[in-house]
């Protein structure tokens, strides 16, 4: 998937950001927390990182939903003409 549209300076995503890779990071963090591999201070730091990754994913999905909605609206408008 090409994420070049996410590379705009005003976007909330770091350069090279990828949805699937970010979800994988969250899964890895949660697995380490659940396995008890981390010290307590690391648990809080890693959990905070996971929350930030999830916010990025939520923003990404919301943007894509808006794009889909606009495309559907455009198609609907064209078919009604």
Protein backbone atom coordinates (compact mmCIF):
# COMPACT_ATOMS: atom_id res chain seq x y z
CA UNK A 1 0.00 0.00 0.00
CA UNK A 2 1.39 3.40 -0.92
CA UNK A 3 1.26 5.91 1.93
CA UNK A 4 2.76 8.83 0.02
CA UNK A 5 -0.32 10.94 0.78
CA UNK A 6 0.61 10.66 4.47
CA UNK A 7 3.99 12.31 4.01
CA UNK A 8 2.61 15.84 4.04
CA UNK A 9 4.28 18.12 6.58
CA UNK A 10 0.94 18.83 8.24
CA UNK A 11 0.10 15.15 8.65
CA UNK A 12 0.31 13.42 12.04
CA UNK A 13 2.37 10.54 10.66
CA UNK A 14 6.15 10.13 10.71
CA UNK A 15 7.80 9.66 7.32
CA UNK A 16 7.54 6.05 6.21
CA UNK A 17 4.61 5.38 8.57
CA UNK A 18 2.70 2.20 7.75
CA UNK A 19 -0.61 1.05 9.25
CA UNK A 20 0.16 -2.66 9.24
CA UNK A 21 3.63 -2.18 10.75
CA UNK A 22 2.17 0.04 13.46
CA UNK A 23 -0.49 -2.53 14.37
CA UNK A 24 2.27 -5.15 14.56
CA UNK A 25 4.24 -2.91 16.97
CA UNK A 26 1.18 -2.65 19.22
CA UNK A 27 0.69 -6.41 19.14
CA UNK A 28 4.36 -6.97 20.03
CA UNK A 29 4.17 -4.50 22.93
CA UNK A 30 1.03 -6.13 24.29
CA UNK A 31 2.57 -9.60 24.00
CA UNK A 32 5.64 -8.46 25.96
CA UNK A 33 3.46 -6.87 28.65
CA UNK A 34 1.25 -9.95 28.93
CA UNK A 35 4.29 -12.26 29.07
CA UNK A 36 5.71 -10.30 31.99
CA UNK A 37 8.96 -9.59 30.12
CA UNK A 38 9.14 -5.96 31.22
CA UNK A 39 9.88 -4.20 34.47
CA UNK A 40 7.05 -2.06 35.82
CA UNK A 41 8.51 1.24 34.60
CA UNK A 42 8.95 -0.26 31.14
CA UNK A 43 5.35 -1.47 31.17
CA UNK A 44 4.10 2.10 31.57
CA UNK A 45 6.44 3.44 28.89
CA UNK A 46 5.54 0.70 26.44
CA UNK A 47 1.83 1.03 27.17
CA UNK A 48 2.05 4.78 26.49
CA UNK A 49 3.81 4.04 23.19
CA UNK A 50 1.09 1.53 22.26
CA UNK A 51 -1.62 4.11 22.99
CA UNK A 52 0.14 6.63 20.72
CA UNK A 53 0.43 4.02 17.95
CA UNK A 54 -3.29 3.26 18.31
CA UNK A 55 -4.11 6.99 18.04
CA UNK A 56 -2.12 7.13 14.81
CA UNK A 57 -4.05 4.13 13.48
CA UNK A 58 -7.37 5.68 14.45
CA UNK A 59 -6.45 8.93 12.68
CA UNK A 60 -5.35 7.01 9.59
CA UNK A 61 -8.59 5.03 9.45
CA UNK A 62 -10.70 8.16 10.00
CA UNK A 63 -8.92 9.88 7.10
CA UNK A 64 -9.45 6.89 4.85
CA UNK A 65 -13.13 6.71 5.84
CA UNK A 66 -13.54 10.37 4.82
CA UNK A 67 -11.90 9.61 1.48
CA UNK A 68 -14.22 6.66 0.90
CA UNK A 69 -17.24 8.77 1.87
CA UNK A 70 -16.20 11.48 -0.61
CA UNK A 71 -15.71 8.91 -3.38
CA UNK A 72 -19.12 7.39 -2.70
CA UNK A 73 -20.69 10.85 -2.68
CA UNK A 74 -19.00 11.68 -5.98
CA UNK A 75 -20.22 8.42 -7.53
CA UNK A 76 -23.74 9.00 -6.24
CA UNK A 77 -23.78 12.57 -7.58
CA UNK A 78 -22.54 11.38 -10.99
CA UNK A 79 -25.12 8.62 -11.22
CA UNK A 80 -27.95 11.04 -10.39
CA UNK A 81 -26.94 13.44 -13.17
